[in-house]
């Protein structure tokens, strides 16, 4: 049986207030609960942040974004917005590589160019 976090909180609050009218209360049960809650939240955040980190080169990040996260029709501006810090040259190199593998195809050229992910992806 798991105890709900709020139940721990209320129990610790109650334990901290015993003897308050005689100025003999002990704040440590509540402080311990508070610190445990913050530590648990930090651990949860750390594990989620670690699982979202992408490893590899910037070209690998572009490739992953295009193949798994971008809309089926996208522009270079979409990649630029999703991956700040990745240069246009790096984006173009990754797109050229994906184009050579026939994973994406360009439609139009210049500023109005859009790219389409191949149906198999």
PDB file of N, CA and C in Angstrom:
ATOM      1  N   UNK A   1       0.844  -1.185   0.000  1.00  0.00           N
ATOM      2  CA  UNK A   1       0.000   0.000   0.000  1.00  0.00           C
ATOM      3  C   UNK A   1       0.883   1.239   0.000  1.00  0.00           C
ATOM      4  N   UNK A   2       0.693   2.093  -0.963  1.00  0.00           N
ATOM      5  CA  UNK A   2       1.457   3.336  -1.023  1.00  0.00           C
ATOM      6  C   UNK A   2       0.684   4.454  -0.353  1.00  0.00           C
ATOM      7  N   UNK A   3       1.436   5.311   0.291  1.00  0.00           N
ATOM      8  CA  UNK A   3       0.830   6.457   0.962  1.00  0.00           C
ATOM      9  C   UNK A   3       0.872   7.628   0.001  1.00  0.00           C
ATOM     10  N   UNK A   4      -0.247   8.287  -0.146  1.00  0.00           N
ATOM     11  CA  UNK A   4      -0.340   9.456  -1.014  1.00  0.00           C
ATOM     12  C   UNK A   4       0.544  10.568  -0.450  1.00  0.00           C
ATOM     13  N   UNK A   5       1.270  11.298  -1.316  1.00  0.00           N
ATOM     14  CA  UNK A   5       2.151  12.362  -0.846  1.00  0.00           C
ATOM     15  C   UNK A   5       1.453  13.391   0.032  1.00  0.00           C
ATOM     16  N   UNK A   6       0.194  13.705  -0.270  1.00  0.00           N
ATOM     17  CA  UNK A   6      -0.521  14.669   0.568  1.00  0.00           C
ATOM     18  C   UNK A   6      -0.765  14.130   1.965  1.00  0.00           C
ATOM     19  N   UNK A   7      -0.944  12.823   2.071  1.00  0.00           N
ATOM     20  CA  UNK A   7      -1.126  12.222   3.392  1.00  0.00           C
ATOM     21  C   UNK A   7       0.147  12.407   4.219  1.00  0.00           C
ATOM     22  N   UNK A   8       1.304  12.206   3.595  1.00  0.00           N
ATOM     23  CA  UNK A   8       2.573  12.461   4.289  1.00  0.00           C
ATOM     24  C   UNK A   8       2.669  13.921   4.713  1.00  0.00           C
ATOM     25  N   UNK A   9       2.254  14.808   3.821  1.00  0.00           N
ATOM     26  CA  UNK A   9       2.326  16.234   4.100  1.00  0.00           C
ATOM     27  C   UNK A   9       1.464  16.590   5.310  1.00  0.00           C
ATOM     28  N   UNK A  10       0.211  16.126   5.324  1.00  0.00           N
ATOM     29  CA  UNK A  10      -0.685  16.448   6.433  1.00  0.00           C
ATOM     30  C   UNK A  10      -0.216  15.810   7.735  1.00  0.00           C
ATOM     31  N   UNK A  11       0.298  14.576   7.660  1.00  0.00           N
ATOM     32  CA  UNK A  11       0.838  13.927   8.860  1.00  0.00           C
ATOM     33  C   UNK A  11       2.020  14.707   9.409  1.00  0.00           C
ATOM     34  N   UNK A  12       2.896  15.170   8.519  1.00  0.00           N
ATOM     35  CA  UNK A  12       4.070  15.925   8.976  1.00  0.00           C
ATOM     36  C   UNK A  12       3.664  17.286   9.536  1.00  0.00           C
ATOM     37  N   UNK A  13       2.637  17.890   8.934  1.00  0.00           N
ATOM     38  CA  UNK A  13       2.147  19.164   9.447  1.00  0.00           C
ATOM     39  C   UNK A  13       1.560  18.989  10.843  1.00  0.00           C
ATOM     40  N   UNK A  14       0.799  17.927  11.016  1.00  0.00           N
ATOM     41  CA  UNK A  14       0.212  17.646  12.321  1.00  0.00           C
ATOM     42  C   UNK A  14       1.301  17.389  13.363  1.00  0.00           C
ATOM     43  N   UNK A  15       2.292  16.581  12.983  1.00  0.00           N
ATOM     44  CA  UNK A  15       3.379  16.285  13.923  1.00  0.00           C
ATOM     45  C   UNK A  15       4.172  17.543  14.284  1.00  0.00           C
ATOM     46  N   UNK A  16       4.290  18.472  13.345  1.00  0.00           N
ATOM     47  CA  UNK A  16       5.047  19.700  13.604  1.00  0.00           C
ATOM     48  C   UNK A  16       4.301  20.683  14.496  1.00  0.00           C
ATOM     49  N   UNK A  17       2.982  20.551  14.594  1.00  0.00           N
ATOM     50  CA  UNK A  17       2.211  21.510  15.378  1.00  0.00           C
ATOM     51  C   UNK A  17       1.910  21.049  16.798  1.00  0.00           C
ATOM     52  N   UNK A  18       2.210  19.786  17.118  1.00  0.00           N
ATOM     53  CA  UNK A  18       1.970  19.322  18.493  1.00  0.00           C
ATOM     54  C   UNK A  18       2.766  20.187  19.461  1.00  0.00           C
ATOM     55  N   UNK A  19       2.084  20.740  20.444  1.00  0.00           N
ATOM     56  CA  UNK A  19       2.735  21.542  21.470  1.00  0.00           C
ATOM     57  C   UNK A  19       2.967  22.983  21.074  1.00  0.00           C
ATOM     58  N   UNK A  20       2.317  23.445  19.993  1.00  0.00           N
ATOM     59  CA  UNK A  20       2.558  24.812  19.537  1.00  0.00           C
ATOM     60  C   UNK A  20       2.123  25.843  20.560  1.00  0.00           C
ATOM     61  N   UNK A  21       1.032  25.539  21.304  1.00  0.00           N
ATOM     62  CA  UNK A  21       0.527  26.500  22.277  1.00  0.00           C
ATOM     63  C   UNK A  21       1.440  26.624  23.498  1.00  0.00           C
ATOM     64  N   UNK A  22       2.333  25.683  23.662  1.00  0.00           N
ATOM     65  CA  UNK A  22       3.314  25.743  24.761  1.00  0.00           C
ATOM     66  C   UNK A  22       4.700  26.097  24.230  1.00  0.00           C
ATOM     67  N   UNK A  23       4.752  26.488  22.950  1.00  0.00           N
ATOM     68  CA  UNK A  23       5.999  26.799  22.262  1.00  0.00           C
ATOM     69  C   UNK A  23       6.987  25.641  22.324  1.00  0.00           C
ATOM     70  N   UNK A  24       6.452  24.420  22.223  1.00  0.00           N
ATOM     71  CA  UNK A  24       7.286  23.220  22.258  1.00  0.00           C
ATOM     72  C   UNK A  24       7.154  22.418  20.966  1.00  0.00           C
ATOM     73  N   UNK A  25       6.641  23.064  19.922  1.00  0.00           N
ATOM     74  CA  UNK A  25       6.454  22.329  18.667  1.00  0.00           C
ATOM     75  C   UNK A  25       7.799  22.087  17.982  1.00  0.00           C
ATOM     76  N   UNK A  26       7.817  21.084  17.114  1.00  0.00           N
ATOM     77  CA  UNK A  26       9.037  20.681  16.407  1.00  0.00           C
ATOM     78  C   UNK A  26       8.806  20.827  14.901  1.00  0.00           C
ATOM     79  N   UNK A  27       9.515  21.737  14.224  1.00  0.00           N
ATOM     80  CA  UNK A  27       9.292  21.933  12.792  1.00  0.00           C
ATOM     81  C   UNK A  27       9.921  20.849  11.917  1.00  0.00           C
ATOM     82  N   UNK A  28      10.759  19.982  12.481  1.00  0.00           N
ATOM     83  CA  UNK A  28      11.514  19.020  11.677  1.00  0.00           C
ATOM     84  C   UNK A  28      10.676  18.015  10.904  1.00  0.00           C
ATOM     85  N   UNK A  29       9.556  17.513  11.416  1.00  0.00           N
ATOM     86  CA  UNK A  29       8.767  16.595  10.574  1.00  0.00           C
ATOM     87  C   UNK A  29       8.300  17.249   9.277  1.00  0.00           C
ATOM     88  N   UNK A  30       7.825  18.495   9.350  1.00  0.00           N
ATOM     89  CA  UNK A  30       7.385  19.187   8.144  1.00  0.00           C
ATOM     90  C   UNK A  30       8.562  19.514   7.233  1.00  0.00           C
ATOM     91  N   UNK A  31       9.668  19.989   7.806  1.00  0.00           N
ATOM     92  CA  UNK A  31      10.839  20.311   6.996  1.00  0.00           C
ATOM     93  C   UNK A  31      11.383  19.071   6.291  1.00  0.00           C
ATOM     94  N   UNK A  32      11.382  17.942   6.964  1.00  0.00           N
ATOM     95  CA  UNK A  32      11.839  16.692   6.356  1.00  0.00           C
ATOM     96  C   UNK A  32      10.939  16.314   5.181  1.00  0.00           C
ATOM     97  N   UNK A  33       9.631  16.442   5.369  1.00  0.00           N
ATOM     98  CA  UNK A  33       8.684  16.144   4.288  1.00  0.00           C
ATOM     99  C   UNK A  33       8.904  17.096   3.115  1.00  0.00           C
ATOM    100  N   UNK A  34       9.108  18.366   3.391  1.00  0.00           N
ATOM    101  CA  UNK A  34       9.324  19.360   2.351  1.00  0.00           C
ATOM    102  C   UNK A  34      10.588  19.048   1.553  1.00  0.00           C
ATOM    103  N   UNK A  35      11.673  18.771   2.243  1.00  0.00           N
ATOM    104  CA  UNK A  35      12.938  18.473   1.565  1.00  0.00           C
ATOM    105  C   UNK A  35      12.820  17.187   0.753  1.00  0.00           C
ATOM    106  N   UNK A  36      12.148  16.183   1.285  1.00  0.00           N
ATOM    107  CA  UNK A  36      11.937  14.938   0.536  1.00  0.00           C
ATOM    108  C   UNK A  36      11.121  15.189  -0.736  1.00  0.00           C
ATOM    109  N   UNK A  37      10.110  16.043  -0.650  1.00  0.00           N
ATOM    110  CA  UNK A  37       9.285  16.370  -1.818  1.00  0.00           C
ATOM    111  C   UNK A  37      10.108  17.082  -2.881  1.00  0.00           C
ATOM    112  N   UNK A  38      10.916  18.048  -2.474  1.00  0.00           N
ATOM    113  CA  UNK A  38      11.766  18.773  -3.422  1.00  0.00           C
ATOM    114  C   UNK A  38      12.785  17.821  -4.053  1.00  0.00           C
ATOM    115  N   UNK A  39      13.387  16.948  -3.252  1.00  0.00           N
ATOM    116  CA  UNK A  39      14.375  15.995  -3.780  1.00  0.00           C
ATOM    117  C   UNK A  39      13.735  15.035  -4.778  1.00  0.00           C
ATOM    118  N   UNK A  40      12.535  14.571  -4.490  1.00  0.00           N
ATOM    119  CA  UNK A  40      11.833  13.673  -5.405  1.00  0.00           C
ATOM    120  C   UNK A  40      11.504  14.388  -6.712  1.00  0.00           C
ATOM    121  N   UNK A  41      11.050  15.638  -6.610  1.00  0.00           N
ATOM    122  CA  UNK A  41      10.747  16.416  -7.812  1.00  0.00           C
ATOM    123  C   UNK A  41      12.005  16.631  -8.644  1.00  0.00           C
ATOM    124  N   UNK A  42      13.114  16.923  -7.992  1.00  0.00           N
ATOM    125  CA  UNK A  42      14.373  17.124  -8.720  1.00  0.00           C
ATOM    126  C   UNK A  42      14.809  15.834  -9.410  1.00  0.00           C
ATOM    127  N   UNK A  43      14.712  14.704  -8.708  1.00  0.00           N
ATOM    128  CA  UNK A  43      15.085  13.416  -9.312  1.00  0.00           C
ATOM    129  C   UNK A  43      14.225  13.114 -10.537  1.00  0.00           C
ATOM    130  N   UNK A  44      12.931  13.401 -10.438  1.00  0.00           N
ATOM    131  CA  UNK A  44      12.031  13.190 -11.571  1.00  0.00           C
ATOM    132  C   UNK A  44      12.427  14.075 -12.741  1.00  0.00           C
ATOM    133  N   UNK A  45      12.680  15.346 -12.458  1.00  0.00           N
ATOM    134  CA  UNK A  45      13.103  16.278 -13.506  1.00  0.00           C
ATOM    135  C   UNK A  45      14.405  15.819 -14.147  1.00  0.00           C
ATOM    136  N   UNK A  46      15.370  15.423 -13.324  1.00  0.00           N
ATOM    137  CA  UNK A  46      16.674  15.002 -13.836  1.00  0.00           C
ATOM    138  C   UNK A  46      16.547  13.790 -14.753  1.00  0.00           C
ATOM    139  N   UNK A  47      15.725  12.819 -14.364  1.00  0.00           N
ATOM    140  CA  UNK A  47      15.579  11.615 -15.204  1.00  0.00           C
ATOM    141  C   UNK A  47      14.869  11.946 -16.513  1.00  0.00           C
ATOM    142  N   UNK A  48      13.885  12.837 -16.473  1.00  0.00           N
ATOM    143  CA  UNK A  48      13.194  13.221 -17.712  1.00  0.00           C
ATOM    144  C   UNK A  48      14.099  14.037 -18.617  1.00  0.00           C
ATOM    145  N   UNK A  49      14.861  14.941 -18.036  1.00  0.00           N
ATOM    146  CA  UNK A  49      15.771  15.769 -18.835  1.00  0.00           C
ATOM    147  C   UNK A  49      16.859  14.908 -19.465  1.00  0.00           C
ATOM    148  N   UNK A  50      17.359  13.923 -18.724  1.00  0.00           N
ATOM    149  CA  UNK A  50      18.408  13.054 -19.250  1.00  0.00           C
ATOM    150  C   UNK A  50      17.881  12.204 -20.406  1.00  0.00           C
ATOM    151  N   UNK A  51      16.627  11.786 -20.342  1.00  0.00           N
ATOM    152  CA  UNK A  51      16.089  10.947 -21.418  1.00  0.00           C
ATOM    153  C   UNK A  51      15.796  11.763 -22.670  1.00  0.00           C
ATOM    154  N   UNK A  52      15.654  13.093 -22.532  1.00  0.00           N
ATOM    155  CA  UNK A  52      15.371  13.939 -23.694  1.00  0.00           C
ATOM    156  C   UNK A  52      16.617  14.457 -24.376  1.00  0.00           C
ATOM    157  N   UNK A  53      17.766  14.262 -23.777  1.00  0.00           N
ATOM    158  CA  UNK A  53      19.007  14.744 -24.385  1.00  0.00           C
ATOM    159  C   UNK A  53      19.312  13.933 -25.630  1.00  0.00           C
ATOM    160  N   UNK A  54      19.719  14.629 -26.663  1.00  0.00           N
ATOM    161  CA  UNK A  54      20.130  13.922 -27.866  1.00  0.00           C
ATOM    162  C   UNK A  54      21.646  13.927 -27.924  1.00  0.00           C
ATOM    163  N   UNK A  55      22.188  12.816 -28.282  1.00  0.00           N
ATOM    164  CA  UNK A  55      23.632  12.691 -28.402  1.00  0.00           C
ATOM    165  C   UNK A  55      23.974  12.641 -29.884  1.00  0.00           C
ATOM    166  N   UNK A  56      25.169  12.967 -30.205  1.00  0.00           N
ATOM    167  CA  UNK A  56      25.592  12.927 -31.587  1.00  0.00           C
ATOM    168  C   UNK A  56      25.854  14.320 -32.110  1.00  0.00           C
ATOM    169  N   UNK A  57      26.105  14.374 -33.385  1.00  0.00           N
ATOM    170  CA  UNK A  57      26.450  15.638 -34.014  1.00  0.00           C
ATOM    171  C   UNK A  57      25.189  16.468 -34.264  1.00  0.00           C
ATOM    172  N   UNK A  58      25.419  17.707 -34.658  1.00  0.00           N
ATOM    173  CA  UNK A  58      24.290  18.569 -34.990  1.00  0.00           C
ATOM    174  C   UNK A  58      23.555  18.033 -36.217  1.00  0.00           C
ATOM    175  N   UNK A  59      24.289  17.449 -37.139  1.00  0.00           N
ATOM    176  CA  UNK A  59      23.631  16.838 -38.301  1.00  0.00           C
ATOM    177  C   UNK A  59      22.729  15.689 -37.862  1.00  0.00           C
ATOM    178  N   UNK A  60      23.172  14.921 -36.862  1.00  0.00           N
ATOM    179  CA  UNK A  60      22.335  13.845 -36.334  1.00  0.00           C
ATOM    180  C   UNK A  60      21.059  14.405 -35.709  1.00  0.00           C
ATOM    181  N   UNK A  61      21.168  15.555 -35.026  1.00  0.00           N
ATOM    182  CA  UNK A  61      19.995  16.191 -34.429  1.00  0.00           C
ATOM    183  C   UNK A  61      19.016  16.638 -35.511  1.00  0.00           C
ATOM    184  N   UNK A  62      19.550  17.209 -36.596  1.00  0.00           N
ATOM    185  CA  UNK A  62      18.690  17.625 -37.714  1.00  0.00           C
ATOM    186  C   UNK A  62      18.010  16.402 -38.312  1.00  0.00           C
ATOM    187  N   UNK A  63      18.780  15.356 -38.557  1.00  0.00           N
ATOM    188  CA  UNK A  63      18.255  14.119 -39.133  1.00  0.00           C
ATOM    189  C   UNK A  63      17.130  13.549 -38.263  1.00  0.00           C
ATOM    190  N   UNK A  64      17.367  13.483 -36.963  1.00  0.00           N
ATOM    191  CA  UNK A  64      16.358  12.960 -36.037  1.00  0.00           C
ATOM    192  C   UNK A  64      15.101  13.824 -36.072  1.00  0.00           C
ATOM    193  N   UNK A  65      15.285  15.129 -36.068  1.00  0.00           N
ATOM    194  CA  UNK A  65      14.125  16.024 -36.101  1.00  0.00           C
ATOM    195  C   UNK A  65      13.318  15.830 -37.385  1.00  0.00           C
ATOM    196  N   UNK A  66      13.992  15.817 -38.518  1.00  0.00           N
ATOM    197  CA  UNK A  66      13.301  15.692 -39.802  1.00  0.00           C
ATOM    198  C   UNK A  66      12.558  14.362 -39.897  1.00  0.00           C
ATOM    199  N   UNK A  67      13.195  13.284 -39.491  1.00  0.00           N
ATOM    200  CA  UNK A  67      12.596  11.955 -39.658  1.00  0.00           C
ATOM    201  C   UNK A  67      11.545  11.613 -38.612  1.00  0.00           C
ATOM    202  N   UNK A  68      11.637  12.208 -37.419  1.00  0.00           N
ATOM    203  CA  UNK A  68      10.758  11.772 -36.334  1.00  0.00           C
ATOM    204  C   UNK A  68       9.854  12.851 -35.743  1.00  0.00           C
ATOM    205  N   UNK A  69      10.163  14.123 -35.975  1.00  0.00           N
ATOM    206  CA  UNK A  69       9.396  15.159 -35.290  1.00  0.00           C
ATOM    207  C   UNK A  69       8.785  16.208 -36.213  1.00  0.00           C
ATOM    208  N   UNK A  70       9.387  16.450 -37.347  1.00  0.00           N
ATOM    209  CA  UNK A  70       8.889  17.479 -38.266  1.00  0.00           C
ATOM    210  C   UNK A  70       7.604  17.010 -38.936  1.00  0.00           C
ATOM    211  N   UNK A  71       6.823  17.990 -39.423  1.00  0.00           N
ATOM    212  CA  UNK A  71       5.652  17.643 -40.224  1.00  0.00           C
ATOM    213  C   UNK A  71       6.117  16.948 -41.491  1.00  0.00           C
ATOM    214  N   UNK A  72       5.217  16.280 -42.183  1.00  0.00           N
ATOM    215  CA  UNK A  72       5.614  15.566 -43.398  1.00  0.00           C
ATOM    216  C   UNK A  72       6.060  16.545 -44.493  1.00  0.00           C
ATOM    217  N   UNK A  73       5.555  17.762 -44.458  1.00  0.00           N
ATOM    218  CA  UNK A  73       6.033  18.827 -45.351  1.00  0.00           C
ATOM    219  C   UNK A  73       6.566  19.930 -44.449  1.00  0.00           C
ATOM    220  N   UNK A  74       7.820  20.311 -44.656  1.00  0.00           N
ATOM    221  CA  UNK A  74       8.457  21.272 -43.747  1.00  0.00           C
ATOM    222  C   UNK A  74       9.373  22.198 -44.530  1.00  0.00           C
ATOM    223  N   UNK A  75       9.774  23.272 -43.899  1.00  0.00           N
ATOM    224  CA  UNK A  75      10.703  24.255 -44.460  1.00  0.00           C
ATOM    225  C   UNK A  75      11.969  24.280 -43.609  1.00  0.00           C
ATOM    226  N   UNK A  76      13.014  24.845 -44.162  1.00  0.00           N
ATOM    227  CA  UNK A  76      14.250  25.008 -43.396  1.00  0.00           C
ATOM    228  C   UNK A  76      13.985  25.868 -42.169  1.00  0.00           C
ATOM    229  N   UNK A  77      13.100  26.844 -42.309  1.00  0.00           N
ATOM    230  CA  UNK A  77      12.765  27.713 -41.172  1.00  0.00           C
ATOM    231  C   UNK A  77      12.184  26.909 -40.012  1.00  0.00           C
ATOM    232  N   UNK A  78      11.449  25.838 -40.290  1.00  0.00           N
ATOM    233  CA  UNK A  78      10.895  24.994 -39.234  1.00  0.00           C
ATOM    234  C   UNK A  78      12.016  24.308 -38.458  1.00  0.00           C
ATOM    235  N   UNK A  79      13.010  23.836 -39.182  1.00  0.00           N
ATOM    236  CA  UNK A  79      14.151  23.176 -38.536  1.00  0.00           C
ATOM    237  C   UNK A  79      14.939  24.196 -37.721  1.00  0.00           C
ATOM    238  N   UNK A  80      15.153  25.367 -38.304  1.00  0.00           N
ATOM    239  CA  UNK A  80      15.880  26.435 -37.632  1.00  0.00           C
ATOM    240  C   UNK A  80      15.204  26.799 -36.306  1.00  0.00           C
ATOM    241  N   UNK A  81      13.872  26.872 -36.313  1.00  0.00           N
ATOM    242  CA  UNK A  81      13.127  27.219 -35.097  1.00  0.00           C
ATOM    243  C   UNK A  81      13.174  26.092 -34.064  1.00  0.00           C
ATOM    244  N   UNK A  82      13.145  24.850 -34.532  1.00  0.00           N
ATOM    245  CA  UNK A  82      13.135  23.711 -33.612  1.00  0.00           C
ATOM    246  C   UNK A  82      14.506  23.410 -33.034  1.00  0.00           C
ATOM    247  N   UNK A  83      15.561  23.758 -33.764  1.00  0.00           N
ATOM    248  CA  UNK A  83      16.920  23.430 -33.338  1.00  0.00           C
ATOM    249  C   UNK A  83      17.793  24.689 -33.311  1.00  0.00           C
ATOM    250  N   UNK A  84      17.564  25.568 -32.346  1.00  0.00           N
ATOM    251  CA  UNK A  84      18.393  26.776 -32.283  1.00  0.00           C
ATOM    252  C   UNK A  84      19.849  26.391 -32.040  1.00  0.00           C
ATOM    253  N   UNK A  85      20.740  27.128 -32.627  1.00  0.00           N
ATOM    254  CA  UNK A  85      22.161  26.829 -32.461  1.00  0.00           C
ATOM    255  C   UNK A  85      22.728  25.962 -33.568  1.00  0.00           C
ATOM    256  N   UNK A  86      21.873  25.477 -34.449  1.00  0.00           N
ATOM    257  CA  UNK A  86      22.332  24.685 -35.593  1.00  0.00           C
ATOM    258  C   UNK A  86      22.343  25.615 -36.800  1.00  0.00           C
ATOM    259  N   UNK A  87      23.486  25.718 -37.446  1.00  0.00           N
ATOM    260  CA  UNK A  87      23.628  26.655 -38.566  1.00  0.00           C
ATOM    261  C   UNK A  87      22.854  26.181 -39.798  1.00  0.00           C
ATOM    262  N   UNK A  88      22.566  27.144 -40.672  1.00  0.00           N
ATOM    263  CA  UNK A  88      21.892  26.806 -41.926  1.00  0.00           C
ATOM    264  C   UNK A  88      22.738  25.850 -42.765  1.00  0.00           C
ATOM    265  N   UNK A  89      24.045  26.037 -42.735  1.00  0.00           N
ATOM    266  CA  UNK A  89      24.938  25.152 -43.491  1.00  0.00           C
ATOM    267  C   UNK A  89      24.819  23.709 -42.991  1.00  0.00           C
ATOM    268  N   UNK A  90      24.770  23.524 -41.679  1.00  0.00           N
ATOM    269  CA  UNK A  90      24.623  22.181 -41.109  1.00  0.00           C
ATOM    270  C   UNK A  90      23.270  21.590 -41.495  1.00  0.00           C
ATOM    271  N   UNK A  91      22.236  22.415 -41.457  1.00  0.00           N
ATOM    272  CA  UNK A  91      20.896  21.948 -41.849  1.00  0.00           C
ATOM    273  C   UNK A  91      20.911  21.503 -43.305  1.00  0.00           C
ATOM    274  N   UNK A  92      21.526  22.304 -44.170  1.00  0.00           N
ATOM    275  CA  UNK A  92      21.578  21.952 -45.595  1.00  0.00           C
ATOM    276  C   UNK A  92      22.372  20.665 -45.833  1.00  0.00           C
ATOM    277  N   UNK A  93      23.476  20.493 -45.097  1.00  0.00           N
ATOM    278  CA  UNK A  93      24.255  19.257 -45.239  1.00  0.00           C
ATOM    279  C   UNK A  93      23.416  18.038 -44.846  1.00  0.00           C
ATOM    280  N   UNK A  94      22.695  18.157 -43.749  1.00  0.00           N
ATOM    281  CA  UNK A  94      21.851  17.039 -43.305  1.00  0.00           C
ATOM    282  C   UNK A  94      20.736  16.773 -44.318  1.00  0.00           C
ATOM    283  N   UNK A  95      20.131  17.843 -44.840  1.00  0.00           N
ATOM    284  CA  UNK A  95      19.072  17.658 -45.835  1.00  0.00           C
ATOM    285  C   UNK A  95      19.612  17.028 -47.116  1.00  0.00           C
ATOM    286  N   UNK A  96      20.802  17.437 -47.535  1.00  0.00           N
ATOM    287  CA  UNK A  96      21.419  16.825 -48.723  1.00  0.00           C
ATOM    288  C   UNK A  96      21.656  15.333 -48.512  1.00  0.00           C
ATOM    289  N   UNK A  97      22.093  14.986 -47.312  1.00  0.00           N
ATOM    290  CA  UNK A  97      22.325  13.574 -46.994  1.00  0.00           C
ATOM    291  C   UNK A  97      21.011  12.789 -47.028  1.00  0.00           C
ATOM    292  N   UNK A  98      19.964  13.346 -46.421  1.00  0.00           N
ATOM    293  CA  UNK A  98      18.660  12.674 -46.435  1.00  0.00           C
ATOM    294  C   UNK A  98      18.093  12.582 -47.848  1.00  0.00           C
ATOM    295  N   UNK A  99      18.342  13.615 -48.657  1.00  0.00           N
ATOM    296  CA  UNK A  99      17.895  13.612 -50.050  1.00  0.00           C
ATOM    297  C   UNK A  99      18.614  12.517 -50.834  1.00  0.00           C
ATOM    298  N   UNK A 100      19.920  12.355 -50.599  1.00  0.00           N
ATOM    299  CA  UNK A 100      20.702  11.319 -51.287  1.00  0.00           C
ATOM    300  C   UNK A 100      20.208   9.921 -50.918  1.00  0.00           C
ATOM    301  N   UNK A 101      19.710   9.772 -49.719  1.00  0.00           N
ATOM    302  CA  UNK A 101      19.176   8.481 -49.270  1.00  0.00           C
ATOM    303  C   UNK A 101      17.709   8.302 -49.668  1.00  0.00           C
ATOM    304  N   UNK A 102      17.168   9.278 -50.359  1.00  0.00           N
ATOM    305  CA  UNK A 102      15.780   9.293 -50.824  1.00  0.00           C
ATOM    306  C   UNK A 102      14.795   9.189 -49.648  1.00  0.00           C
ATOM    307  N   UNK A 103      15.148   9.810 -48.542  1.00  0.00           N
ATOM    308  CA  UNK A 103      14.254   9.853 -47.388  1.00  0.00           C
ATOM    309  C   UNK A 103      13.398  11.119 -47.403  1.00  0.00           C
ATOM    310  N   UNK A 104      13.880  12.137 -48.127  1.00  0.00           N
ATOM    311  CA  UNK A 104      13.114  13.368 -48.310  1.00  0.00           C
ATOM    312  C   UNK A 104      13.292  13.829 -49.751  1.00  0.00           C
ATOM    313  N   UNK A 105      12.343  14.632 -50.216  1.00  0.00           N
ATOM    314  CA  UNK A 105      12.456  15.196 -51.560  1.00  0.00           C
ATOM    315  C   UNK A 105      12.131  16.686 -51.487  1.00  0.00           C
ATOM    316  N   UNK A 106      12.890  17.492 -52.237  1.00  0.00           N
ATOM    317  CA  UNK A 106      12.607  18.930 -52.242  1.00  0.00           C
ATOM    318  C   UNK A 106      11.474  19.256 -53.205  1.00  0.00           C
ATOM    319  N   UNK A 107      10.713  20.266 -52.867  1.00  0.00           N
ATOM    320  CA  UNK A 107       9.688  20.798 -53.763  1.00  0.00           C
ATOM    321  C   UNK A 107       9.941  22.287 -53.854  1.00  0.00           C
ATOM    322  N   UNK A 108      10.119  22.791 -55.034  1.00  0.00           N
ATOM    323  CA  UNK A 108      10.475  24.189 -55.292  1.00  0.00           C
ATOM    324  C   UNK A 108      11.934  24.428 -54.909  1.00  0.00           C
ATOM    325  N   UNK A 109      12.390  25.635 -55.180  1.00  0.00           N
ATOM    326  CA  UNK A 109      13.762  26.014 -54.835  1.00  0.00           C
ATOM    327  C   UNK A 109      13.734  27.424 -54.253  1.00  0.00           C
ATOM    328  N   UNK A 110      14.812  27.810 -53.650  1.00  0.00           N
ATOM    329  CA  UNK A 110      14.932  29.162 -53.107  1.00  0.00           C
ATOM    330  C   UNK A 110      14.199  29.326 -51.790  1.00  0.00           C
ATOM    331  N   UNK A 111      13.789  30.574 -51.524  1.00  0.00           N
ATOM    332  CA  UNK A 111      13.165  30.897 -50.237  1.00  0.00           C
ATOM    333  C   UNK A 111      11.838  30.175 -50.021  1.00  0.00           C
ATOM    334  N   UNK A 112      11.147  29.858 -51.087  1.00  0.00           N
ATOM    335  CA  UNK A 112       9.851  29.199 -50.970  1.00  0.00           C
ATOM    336  C   UNK A 112       9.939  27.684 -50.975  1.00  0.00           C
ATOM    337  N   UNK A 113      11.141  27.163 -50.894  1.00  0.00           N
ATOM    338  CA  UNK A 113      11.314  25.713 -50.975  1.00  0.00           C
ATOM    339  C   UNK A 113      10.709  25.019 -49.761  1.00  0.00           C
ATOM    340  N   UNK A 114      10.089  23.909 -50.021  1.00  0.00           N
ATOM    341  CA  UNK A 114       9.609  23.033 -48.957  1.00  0.00           C
ATOM    342  C   UNK A 114      10.180  21.646 -49.228  1.00  0.00           C
ATOM    343  N   UNK A 115      10.227  20.868 -48.185  1.00  0.00           N
ATOM    344  CA  UNK A 115      10.734  19.498 -48.268  1.00  0.00           C
ATOM    345  C   UNK A 115       9.613  18.563 -47.844  1.00  0.00           C
ATOM    346  N   UNK A 116       9.588  17.408 -48.457  1.00  0.00           N
ATOM    347  CA  UNK A 116       8.577  16.409 -48.155  1.00  0.00           C
ATOM    348  C   UNK A 116       9.265  15.123 -47.721  1.00  0.00           C
ATOM    349  N   UNK A 117       8.830  14.611 -46.600  1.00  0.00           N
ATOM    350  CA  UNK A 117       9.359  13.326 -46.128  1.00  0.00           C
ATOM    351  C   UNK A 117       8.766  12.224 -46.995  1.00  0.00           C
ATOM    352  N   UNK A 118       9.578  11.261 -47.377  1.00  0.00           N
ATOM    353  CA  UNK A 118       9.109  10.152 -48.220  1.00  0.00           C
ATOM    354  C   UNK A 118       8.047   9.370 -47.471  1.00  0.00           C
ATOM    355  N   UNK A 119       7.069   8.826 -48.198  1.00  0.00           N
ATOM    356  CA  UNK A 119       5.967   8.105 -47.546  1.00  0.00           C
ATOM    357  C   UNK A 119       6.410   6.944 -46.680  1.00  0.00           C
ATOM    358  N   UNK A 120       7.546   6.345 -46.976  1.00  0.00           N
ATOM    359  CA  UNK A 120       7.990   5.188 -46.182  1.00  0.00           C
ATOM    360  C   UNK A 120       8.463   5.590 -44.803  1.00  0.00           C
ATOM    361  N   UNK A 121       8.746   6.864 -44.574  1.00  0.00           N
ATOM    362  CA  UNK A 121       9.235   7.328 -43.268  1.00  0.00           C
ATOM    363  C   UNK A 121       8.123   7.791 -42.397  1.00  0.00           C
TER     364      UNK A 121
END
